[in-house]
C-alpha atoms as a PDB file:
ATOM      1  CA  UNK A   1      25.186 -93.934   7.613  1.00  0.00           C
ATOM      2  CA  UNK A   2      25.887 -95.500   4.530  1.00  0.00           C
ATOM      3  CA  UNK A   3      29.793 -96.258   3.986  1.00  0.00           C
ATOM      4  CA  UNK A   4      30.993 -95.189   7.501  1.00  0.00           C
ATOM      5  CA  UNK A   5      31.867 -91.379   6.093  1.00  0.00           C
ATOM      6  CA  UNK A   6      30.337 -90.317   9.158  1.00  0.00           C
ATOM      7  CA  UNK A   7      33.545 -90.149  10.382  1.00  0.00           C
ATOM      8  CA  UNK A   8      35.629 -89.645   8.063  1.00  0.00           C
ATOM      9  CA  UNK A   9      39.128 -88.116   8.813  1.00  0.00           C
ATOM     10  CA  UNK A  10      39.590 -86.410   6.020  1.00  0.00           C
ATOM     11  CA  UNK A  11      39.683 -82.886   6.641  1.00  0.00           C
ATOM     12  CA  UNK A  12      38.152 -81.379   3.094  1.00  0.00           C
ATOM     13  CA  UNK A  13      35.310 -79.560   3.835  1.00  0.00           C
ATOM     14  CA  UNK A  14      36.252 -79.033   7.597  1.00  0.00           C
ATOM     15  CA  UNK A  15      39.258 -76.276   6.375  1.00  0.00           C
ATOM     16  CA  UNK A  16      36.389 -74.694   4.420  1.00  0.00           C
ATOM     17  CA  UNK A  17      34.055 -74.818   7.467  1.00  0.00           C
ATOM     18  CA  UNK A  18      36.951 -72.969   9.936  1.00  0.00           C
ATOM     19  CA  UNK A  19      37.307 -70.150   7.360  1.00  0.00           C
ATOM     20  CA  UNK A  20      34.001 -69.201   6.896  1.00  0.00           C
ATOM     21  CA  UNK A  21      33.058 -69.063  10.499  1.00  0.00           C
ATOM     22  CA  UNK A  22      36.294 -66.606  11.121  1.00  0.00           C
ATOM     23  CA  UNK A  23      34.854 -64.265   8.083  1.00  0.00           C
ATOM     24  CA  UNK A  24      31.388 -65.370   9.878  1.00  0.00           C
ATOM     25  CA  UNK A  25      32.548 -64.010  13.419  1.00  0.00           C
ATOM     26  CA  UNK A  26      34.336 -60.662  12.191  1.00  0.00           C
ATOM     27  CA  UNK A  27      37.668 -61.619  12.311  1.00  0.00           C
ATOM     28  CA  UNK A  28      39.656 -59.409  10.495  1.00  0.00           C
ATOM     29  CA  UNK A  29      42.563 -60.461   8.470  1.00  0.00           C
ATOM     30  CA  UNK A  30      46.287 -60.749   9.348  1.00  0.00           C
ATOM     31  CA  UNK A  31      48.203 -57.693   9.676  1.00  0.00           C
ATOM     32  CA  UNK A  32      51.672 -57.658   8.055  1.00  0.00           C
ATOM     33  CA  UNK A  33      54.271 -58.054  10.872  1.00  0.00           C
ATOM     34  CA  UNK A  34      55.814 -54.983  12.273  1.00  0.00           C
ATOM     35  CA  UNK A  35      59.609 -53.760  10.257  1.00  0.00           C
ATOM     36  CA  UNK A  36      61.915 -52.806  12.184  1.00  0.00           C
ATOM     37  CA  UNK A  37      61.878 -49.433  11.935  1.00  0.00           C
ATOM     38  CA  UNK A  38      58.212 -49.725  13.862  1.00  0.00           C
ATOM     39  CA  UNK A  39      59.557 -51.445  16.509  1.00  0.00           C
ATOM     40  CA  UNK A  40      62.105 -49.137  17.378  1.00  0.00           C
ATOM     41  CA  UNK A  41      59.156 -46.382  16.987  1.00  0.00           C
ATOM     42  CA  UNK A  42      56.984 -48.409  19.546  1.00  0.00           C
ATOM     43  CA  UNK A  43      59.985 -48.665  21.707  1.00  0.00           C
ATOM     44  CA  UNK A  44      61.253 -45.274  21.743  1.00  0.00           C
ATOM     45  CA  UNK A  45      58.255 -43.843  21.980  1.00  0.00           C
ATOM     46  CA  UNK A  46      58.030 -45.590  25.489  1.00  0.00           C
ATOM     47  CA  UNK A  47      61.427 -45.237  27.034  1.00  0.00           C
ATOM     48  CA  UNK A  48      62.611 -42.570  26.376  1.00  0.00           C
ATOM     49  CA  UNK A  49      59.314 -40.197  25.555  1.00  0.00           C
ATOM     50  CA  UNK A  50      57.433 -41.659  28.372  1.00  0.00           C
ATOM     51  CA  UNK A  51      54.355 -42.175  25.980  1.00  0.00           C
ATOM     52  CA  UNK A  52      50.865 -43.459  27.182  1.00  0.00           C
ATOM     53  CA  UNK A  53      49.711 -46.108  24.896  1.00  0.00           C
ATOM     54  CA  UNK A  54      47.233 -44.383  23.259  1.00  0.00           C
ATOM     55  CA  UNK A  55      49.584 -41.727  22.256  1.00  0.00           C
ATOM     56  CA  UNK A  56      51.645 -44.220  21.126  1.00  0.00           C
ATOM     57  CA  UNK A  57      48.613 -45.324  18.582  1.00  0.00           C
ATOM     58  CA  UNK A  58      47.809 -42.209  17.947  1.00  0.00           C
ATOM     59  CA  UNK A  59      51.299 -40.862  16.714  1.00  0.00           C
ATOM     60  CA  UNK A  60      52.042 -44.602  15.201  1.00  0.00           C
ATOM     61  CA  UNK A  61      48.821 -44.294  13.065  1.00  0.00           C
ATOM     62  CA  UNK A  62      50.495 -40.253  11.888  1.00  0.00           C
ATOM     63  CA  UNK A  63      54.018 -41.951  10.985  1.00  0.00           C
ATOM     64  CA  UNK A  64      52.971 -45.287   9.652  1.00  0.00           C
ATOM     65  CA  UNK A  65      49.751 -44.252   7.212  1.00  0.00           C
ATOM     66  CA  UNK A  66      50.304 -47.793   5.389  1.00  0.00           C
ATOM     67  CA  UNK A  67      48.837 -49.311   7.908  1.00  0.00           C
ATOM     68  CA  UNK A  68      45.523 -49.022   7.152  1.00  0.00           C
ATOM     69  CA  UNK A  69      43.628 -49.005  10.271  1.00  0.00           C
ATOM     70  CA  UNK A  70      44.776 -48.332  13.617  1.00  0.00           C
ATOM     71  CA  UNK A  71      47.485 -50.530  15.720  1.00  0.00           C
ATOM     72  CA  UNK A  72      45.488 -52.111  19.493  1.00  0.00           C
ATOM     73  CA  UNK A  73      47.121 -51.421  22.280  1.00  0.00           C
ATOM     74  CA  UNK A  74      47.369 -55.128  22.581  1.00  0.00           C
ATOM     75  CA  UNK A  75      49.381 -55.242  19.420  1.00  0.00           C
ATOM     76  CA  UNK A  76      51.442 -52.148  20.519  1.00  0.00           C
ATOM     77  CA  UNK A  77      52.159 -53.809  23.798  1.00  0.00           C
ATOM     78  CA  UNK A  78      52.738 -57.257  22.277  1.00  0.00           C
ATOM     79  CA  UNK A  79      55.300 -56.356  20.070  1.00  0.00           C
ATOM     80  CA  UNK A  80      57.274 -53.361  22.809  1.00  0.00           C
ATOM     81  CA  UNK A  81      57.518 -56.096  25.020  1.00  0.00           C
ATOM     82  CA  UNK A  82      58.854 -58.900  22.235  1.00  0.00           C
ATOM     83  CA  UNK A  83      61.623 -56.078  21.265  1.00  0.00           C
ATOM     84  CA  UNK A  84      62.416 -55.642  25.414  1.00  0.00           C
ATOM     85  CA  UNK A  85      62.698 -59.700  25.562  1.00  0.00           C
ATOM     86  CA  UNK A  86      65.490 -59.386  22.591  1.00  0.00           C
ATOM     87  CA  UNK A  87      67.742 -56.571  23.966  1.00  0.00           C
END
């Protein structure tokens, strides 16, 4: 152990390790946040139309094709409950 480098608190190499760990774990990059129209759509479909989360996900993909991959049930329910909390 030369010069005490083992306990070096500098994070320079640790950031690269974390990034490569995320990539190797198969995590997807973050998606852009839901817009107001998207939030309204989700709340409307659930409250007014009484749609299931699977149906909301399918119809969301049709109405918002710019989202290149399907939004998960967890993502849809999460934004729904955040919107409800704001009301």
